[in-house]
């Protein structure tokens, strides 16, 4: 039973981690687009 509760908590943690990586993916995409724009403006 305790092990089942631990895996449930771990499942919630991985869900939160998934949301964090989704949020992290958004700024990195913007950063990548910004670099591309600067790169092409400098050509």
C-alpha atoms as a PDB file:
ATOM      1  CA  UNK A   1       0.000   0.000   0.000  1.00  0.00           C
ATOM      2  CA  UNK A   2       2.740   2.424   0.909  1.00  0.00           C
ATOM      3  CA  UNK A   3       4.580   1.520  -2.268  1.00  0.00           C
ATOM      4  CA  UNK A   4       1.389   2.168  -4.261  1.00  0.00           C
ATOM      5  CA  UNK A   5       1.061   5.616  -2.722  1.00  0.00           C
ATOM      6  CA  UNK A   6       4.721   6.348  -3.466  1.00  0.00           C
ATOM      7  CA  UNK A   7       4.265   5.460  -7.129  1.00  0.00           C
ATOM      8  CA  UNK A   8       1.179   7.681  -7.238  1.00  0.00           C
ATOM      9  CA  UNK A   9       3.202  10.581  -5.832  1.00  0.00           C
ATOM     10  CA  UNK A  10       5.960   9.826  -8.302  1.00  0.00           C
ATOM     11  CA  UNK A  11       3.372   9.892 -11.086  1.00  0.00           C
ATOM     12  CA  UNK A  12       2.233  13.340  -9.965  1.00  0.00           C
ATOM     13  CA  UNK A  13       5.831  14.512  -9.807  1.00  0.00           C
ATOM     14  CA  UNK A  14       6.479  13.328 -13.356  1.00  0.00           C
ATOM     15  CA  UNK A  15       3.324  15.110 -14.489  1.00  0.00           C
ATOM     16  CA  UNK A  16       4.578  18.344 -12.896  1.00  0.00           C
ATOM     17  CA  UNK A  17       7.983  17.763 -14.464  1.00  0.00           C
ATOM     18  CA  UNK A  18       6.250  17.323 -17.824  1.00  0.00           C
ATOM     19  CA  UNK A  19       4.539  20.687 -17.401  1.00  0.00           C
ATOM     20  CA  UNK A  20       7.853  22.277 -16.453  1.00  0.00           C
ATOM     21  CA  UNK A  21       9.515  20.911 -19.580  1.00  0.00           C
ATOM     22  CA  UNK A  22       6.599  22.204 -21.665  1.00  0.00           C
ATOM     23  CA  UNK A  23       7.055  25.687 -20.162  1.00  0.00           C
ATOM     24  CA  UNK A  24      10.820  25.415 -20.637  1.00  0.00           C
ATOM     25  CA  UNK A  25      10.266  24.435 -24.268  1.00  0.00           C
ATOM     26  CA  UNK A  26       8.395  27.668 -24.978  1.00  0.00           C
ATOM     27  CA  UNK A  27      11.204  30.121 -24.049  1.00  0.00           C
ATOM     28  CA  UNK A  28      13.806  28.029 -25.839  1.00  0.00           C
ATOM     29  CA  UNK A  29      11.696  28.124 -29.001  1.00  0.00           C
ATOM     30  CA  UNK A  30      11.391  31.919 -28.730  1.00  0.00           C
ATOM     31  CA  UNK A  31      15.143  32.142 -28.109  1.00  0.00           C
ATOM     32  CA  UNK A  32      15.822  30.016 -31.183  1.00  0.00           C
ATOM     33  CA  UNK A  33      13.563  32.183 -33.348  1.00  0.00           C
ATOM     34  CA  UNK A  34      15.236  35.326 -32.009  1.00  0.00           C
ATOM     35  CA  UNK A  35      18.667  33.933 -32.935  1.00  0.00           C
ATOM     36  CA  UNK A  36      17.438  33.033 -36.423  1.00  0.00           C
ATOM     37  CA  UNK A  37      16.025  36.534 -36.953  1.00  0.00           C
ATOM     38  CA  UNK A  38      19.277  38.158 -35.814  1.00  0.00           C
ATOM     39  CA  UNK A  39      21.300  35.771 -37.975  1.00  0.00           C
ATOM     40  CA  UNK A  40      19.343  36.575 -41.124  1.00  0.00           C
ATOM     41  CA  UNK A  41      19.274  40.306 -40.384  1.00  0.00           C
ATOM     42  CA  UNK A  42      23.078  40.273 -40.175  1.00  0.00           C
ATOM     43  CA  UNK A  43      23.531  38.597 -43.557  1.00  0.00           C
END
